[in-house]
C-alpha atoms as a PDB file:
ATOM      1  CA  MET A   1     -22.133  42.876  -2.632  1.00  0.00           C
ATOM      2  CA  MET A   2     -24.261  39.739  -2.261  1.00  0.00           C
ATOM      3  CA  LYS A   3     -22.364  38.007  -5.102  1.00  0.00           C
ATOM      4  CA  LYS A   4     -19.059  38.680  -3.334  1.00  0.00           C
ATOM      5  CA  GLN A   5     -20.382  37.135  -0.114  1.00  0.00           C
ATOM      6  CA  ILE A   6     -21.641  34.059  -1.940  1.00  0.00           C
ATOM      7  CA  LEU A   7     -18.312  33.714  -3.744  1.00  0.00           C
ATOM      8  CA  PHE A   8     -16.474  34.102  -0.439  1.00  0.00           C
ATOM      9  CA  PHE A   9     -18.529  31.323   1.185  1.00  0.00           C
ATOM     10  CA  LYS A  10     -18.005  29.021  -1.801  1.00  0.00           C
ATOM     11  CA  VAL A  11     -14.240  29.553  -1.619  1.00  0.00           C
ATOM     12  CA  MET A  12     -14.276  28.915   2.144  1.00  0.00           C
ATOM     13  CA  ILE A  13     -16.263  25.670   1.767  1.00  0.00           C
ATOM     14  CA  PHE A  14     -14.005  24.447  -1.043  1.00  0.00           C
ATOM     15  CA  SER A  15     -10.891  25.250   1.022  1.00  0.00           C
ATOM     16  CA  TRP A  16     -12.308  23.378   4.006  1.00  0.00           C
ATOM     17  CA  LEU A  17     -13.086  20.304   1.878  1.00  0.00           C
ATOM     18  CA  VAL A  18      -9.605  20.234   0.329  1.00  0.00           C
ATOM     19  CA  THR A  19      -7.966  20.656   3.735  1.00  0.00           C
ATOM     20  CA  THR A  20     -10.097  17.874   5.264  1.00  0.00           C
ATOM     21  CA  VAL A  21      -9.256  15.381   2.494  1.00  0.00           C
ATOM     22  CA  TYR A  22      -5.546  16.302   2.600  1.00  0.00           C
ATOM     23  CA  ALA A  23      -5.465  15.937   6.382  1.00  0.00           C
ATOM     24  CA  GLN A  24      -7.147  12.522   6.332  1.00  0.00           C
ATOM     25  CA  GLU A  25      -4.821  11.247   3.614  1.00  0.00           C
ATOM     26  CA  ASN A  26      -1.745  12.309   5.551  1.00  0.00           C
ATOM     27  CA  GLU A  27      -3.034  11.026   8.891  1.00  0.00           C
ATOM     28  CA  VAL A  28      -3.039   7.397   7.714  1.00  0.00           C
ATOM     29  CA  THR A  29       0.709   7.335   7.206  1.00  0.00           C
ATOM     30  CA  GLY A  30       2.771   5.909  10.022  1.00  0.00           C
ATOM     31  CA  ARG A  31       3.010   2.698  12.015  1.00  0.00           C
ATOM     32  CA  TRP A  32      -0.061   0.613  12.883  1.00  0.00           C
ATOM     33  CA  TYR A  33      -0.408  -2.364  15.242  1.00  0.00           C
ATOM     34  CA  ALA A  34      -2.357  -5.257  13.696  1.00  0.00           C
ATOM     35  CA  LYS A  35      -2.972  -7.853  16.415  1.00  0.00           C
ATOM     36  CA  GLU A  36      -4.788 -10.206  13.999  1.00  0.00           C
ATOM     37  CA  MET A  37      -1.774 -10.338  11.676  1.00  0.00           C
ATOM     38  CA  ASP A  38       0.396 -12.174  14.194  1.00  0.00           C
ATOM     39  CA  GLU A  39       0.903  -8.997  16.215  1.00  0.00           C
ATOM     40  CA  SER A  40       2.521  -7.173  13.327  1.00  0.00           C
ATOM     41  CA  ILE A  41       3.471  -3.527  12.966  1.00  0.00           C
ATOM     42  CA  ILE A  42       2.603  -2.229   9.491  1.00  0.00           C
ATOM     43  CA  GLU A  43       4.113   0.988   8.228  1.00  0.00           C
ATOM     44  CA  ILE A  44       1.886   2.858   5.764  1.00  0.00           C
ATOM     45  CA  GLN A  45       3.616   5.290   3.418  1.00  0.00           C
ATOM     46  CA  GLN A  46       2.766   7.157   0.264  1.00  0.00           C
ATOM     47  CA  ASN A  47       4.880   6.011  -2.679  1.00  0.00           C
ATOM     48  CA  GLU A  48       6.262   8.036  -5.597  1.00  0.00           C
ATOM     49  CA  LYS A  49       3.040   7.480  -7.588  1.00  0.00           C
ATOM     50  CA  GLY A  50       0.922   8.982  -4.807  1.00  0.00           C
ATOM     51  CA  MET A  51      -0.494   5.589  -3.797  1.00  0.00           C
ATOM     52  CA  TYR A  52      -0.415   4.250  -0.243  1.00  0.00           C
ATOM     53  CA  GLU A  53       1.237   0.972   0.667  1.00  0.00           C
ATOM     54  CA  GLY A  54       1.851  -0.937   3.861  1.00  0.00           C
ATOM     55  CA  ILE A  55       4.876  -3.058   4.744  1.00  0.00           C
ATOM     56  CA  ILE A  56       5.279  -5.270   7.810  1.00  0.00           C
ATOM     57  CA  LYS A  57       8.144  -3.837   9.885  1.00  0.00           C
ATOM     58  CA  GLU A  58       7.783  -6.035  12.999  1.00  0.00           C
ATOM     59  CA  SER A  59       5.941  -9.276  13.668  1.00  0.00           C
ATOM     60  CA  SER A  60       5.843 -12.269  15.959  1.00  0.00           C
ATOM     61  CA  ARG A  61       6.584 -14.238  12.769  1.00  0.00           C
ATOM     62  CA  ASP A  62       9.985 -13.460  11.297  1.00  0.00           C
ATOM     63  CA  ASP A  63       8.914 -14.642   7.831  1.00  0.00           C
ATOM     64  CA  PHE A  64       6.293 -11.826   7.675  1.00  0.00           C
ATOM     65  CA  ILE A  65       8.801  -8.988   8.164  1.00  0.00           C
ATOM     66  CA  GLY A  66       9.388  -6.945   5.010  1.00  0.00           C
ATOM     67  CA  LYS A  67       6.276  -8.232   3.217  1.00  0.00           C
ATOM     68  CA  LYS A  68       4.074  -5.691   1.449  1.00  0.00           C
ATOM     69  CA  VAL A  69       0.528  -6.304   2.676  1.00  0.00           C
ATOM     70  CA  MET A  70      -1.211  -3.217   1.261  1.00  0.00           C
ATOM     71  CA  TYR A  71      -0.667  -1.596  -2.112  1.00  0.00           C
ATOM     72  CA  ASP A  72      -2.287   0.628  -4.752  1.00  0.00           C
ATOM     73  CA  PHE A  73      -4.419   2.377  -2.137  1.00  0.00           C
ATOM     74  CA  LYS A  74      -5.794   5.775  -3.045  1.00  0.00           C
ATOM     75  CA  TYR A  75      -8.423   7.993  -1.492  1.00  0.00           C
ATOM     76  CA  ASN A  76     -11.882   7.737  -3.070  1.00  0.00           C
ATOM     77  CA  GLU A  77     -13.427  11.152  -2.504  1.00  0.00           C
ATOM     78  CA  GLU A  78     -16.946   9.994  -3.398  1.00  0.00           C
ATOM     79  CA  ASN A  79     -16.937   7.084  -0.924  1.00  0.00           C
ATOM     80  CA  LYS A  80     -14.759   8.866   1.687  1.00  0.00           C
ATOM     81  CA  ARG A  81     -12.383   5.921   2.045  1.00  0.00           C
ATOM     82  CA  PHE A  82      -9.122   4.489   0.778  1.00  0.00           C
ATOM     83  CA  GLU A  83      -9.384   1.660  -1.759  1.00  0.00           C
ATOM     84  CA  GLY A  84      -6.731  -0.733  -3.031  1.00  0.00           C
ATOM     85  CA  ARG A  85      -5.370  -4.253  -2.626  1.00  0.00           C
ATOM     86  CA  ILE A  86      -4.482  -6.278   0.470  1.00  0.00           C
ATOM     87  CA  TYR A  87      -2.205  -9.295   0.511  1.00  0.00           C
ATOM     88  CA  SER A  88      -2.734 -11.938   3.194  1.00  0.00           C
ATOM     89  CA  VAL A  89       0.748 -13.289   3.911  1.00  0.00           C
ATOM     90  CA  ALA A  90      -0.602 -16.195   5.982  1.00  0.00           C
ATOM     91  CA  ARG A  91      -3.057 -17.326   3.282  1.00  0.00           C
ATOM     92  CA  LYS A  92      -0.987 -16.154   0.296  1.00  0.00           C
ATOM     93  CA  MET A  93      -4.088 -14.488  -1.126  1.00  0.00           C
ATOM     94  CA  GLU A  94      -4.870 -11.079  -2.652  1.00  0.00           C
ATOM     95  CA  LEU A  95      -8.031  -9.262  -1.602  1.00  0.00           C
ATOM     96  CA  ASP A  96      -9.869  -6.093  -2.495  1.00  0.00           C
ATOM     97  CA  GLY A  97      -9.277  -3.724   0.385  1.00  0.00           C
ATOM     98  CA  ILE A  98     -10.630  -0.571   1.927  1.00  0.00           C
ATOM     99  CA  PHE A  99      -9.574   1.365   4.960  1.00  0.00           C
ATOM    100  CA  ILE A 100     -11.091   4.265   6.826  1.00  0.00           C
ATOM    101  CA  LEU A 101      -9.568   6.403   9.531  1.00  0.00           C
ATOM    102  CA  ASN A 102     -12.184   5.975  12.292  1.00  0.00           C
ATOM    103  CA  LYS A 103     -10.294   8.012  14.853  1.00  0.00           C
ATOM    104  CA  PRO A 104      -6.822   9.573  14.789  1.00  0.00           C
ATOM    105  CA  ASP A 105      -5.483   6.357  16.375  1.00  0.00           C
ATOM    106  CA  GLU A 106      -7.763   3.709  14.808  1.00  0.00           C
ATOM    107  CA  LEU A 107      -7.807   2.395  11.255  1.00  0.00           C
ATOM    108  CA  LYS A 108     -10.707   0.231  10.081  1.00  0.00           C
ATOM    109  CA  VAL A 109      -9.306  -2.239   7.512  1.00  0.00           C
ATOM    110  CA  THR A 110     -11.568  -4.504   5.448  1.00  0.00           C
ATOM    111  CA  GLY A 111     -10.518  -7.213   3.011  1.00  0.00           C
ATOM    112  CA  LYS A 112     -12.997  -8.745   0.584  1.00  0.00           C
ATOM    113  CA  LYS A 113     -12.867 -11.745  -1.747  1.00  0.00           C
ATOM    114  CA  LEU A 114     -16.018 -12.402  -3.795  1.00  0.00           C
ATOM    115  CA  PHE A 115     -18.864 -12.154  -1.271  1.00  0.00           C
ATOM    116  CA  ILE A 116     -16.823 -12.773   1.888  1.00  0.00           C
ATOM    117  CA  SER A 117     -15.319  -9.896   3.842  1.00  0.00           C
ATOM    118  CA  LYS A 118     -13.489  -9.464   7.117  1.00  0.00           C
ATOM    119  CA  THR A 119     -12.837  -6.272   9.063  1.00  0.00           C
ATOM    120  CA  PHE A 120     -10.019  -5.517  11.496  1.00  0.00           C
ATOM    121  CA  TYR A 121      -9.210  -2.495  13.613  1.00  0.00           C
ATOM    122  CA  TRP A 122      -5.590  -1.418  13.723  1.00  0.00           C
ATOM    123  CA  LYS A 123      -4.216   0.869  16.411  1.00  0.00           C
ATOM    124  CA  ARG A 124      -1.656   3.587  15.831  1.00  0.00           C
ATOM    125  CA  LYS A 125       1.716   2.586  17.241  1.00  0.00           C
END
């Protein structure tokens, strides 16, 4: 009887962990307002390879629209964050990137090049 209870609790914990990771991965998709990127709206979607990418859909700068600014992002279970590449359209530079869903309507986005990093907070649109 005790073994069945332990097995039941293990299955419940595993199910909860899988559901939590799945929910967080799906909650990052959608449109995000990035004030620091010339007031751009970035749409994050999952591509056919299962990676996440972000494309500028609206911006105060017409030349930014349609540019892919995030790519090859995938969820790192160990670090509890998404990791991939960020492209700075203004600086024409690629960066290592991470993002974390702080709240359902706030995405913490960090770009890093060598030992310099910068963090922004995007709001769900």
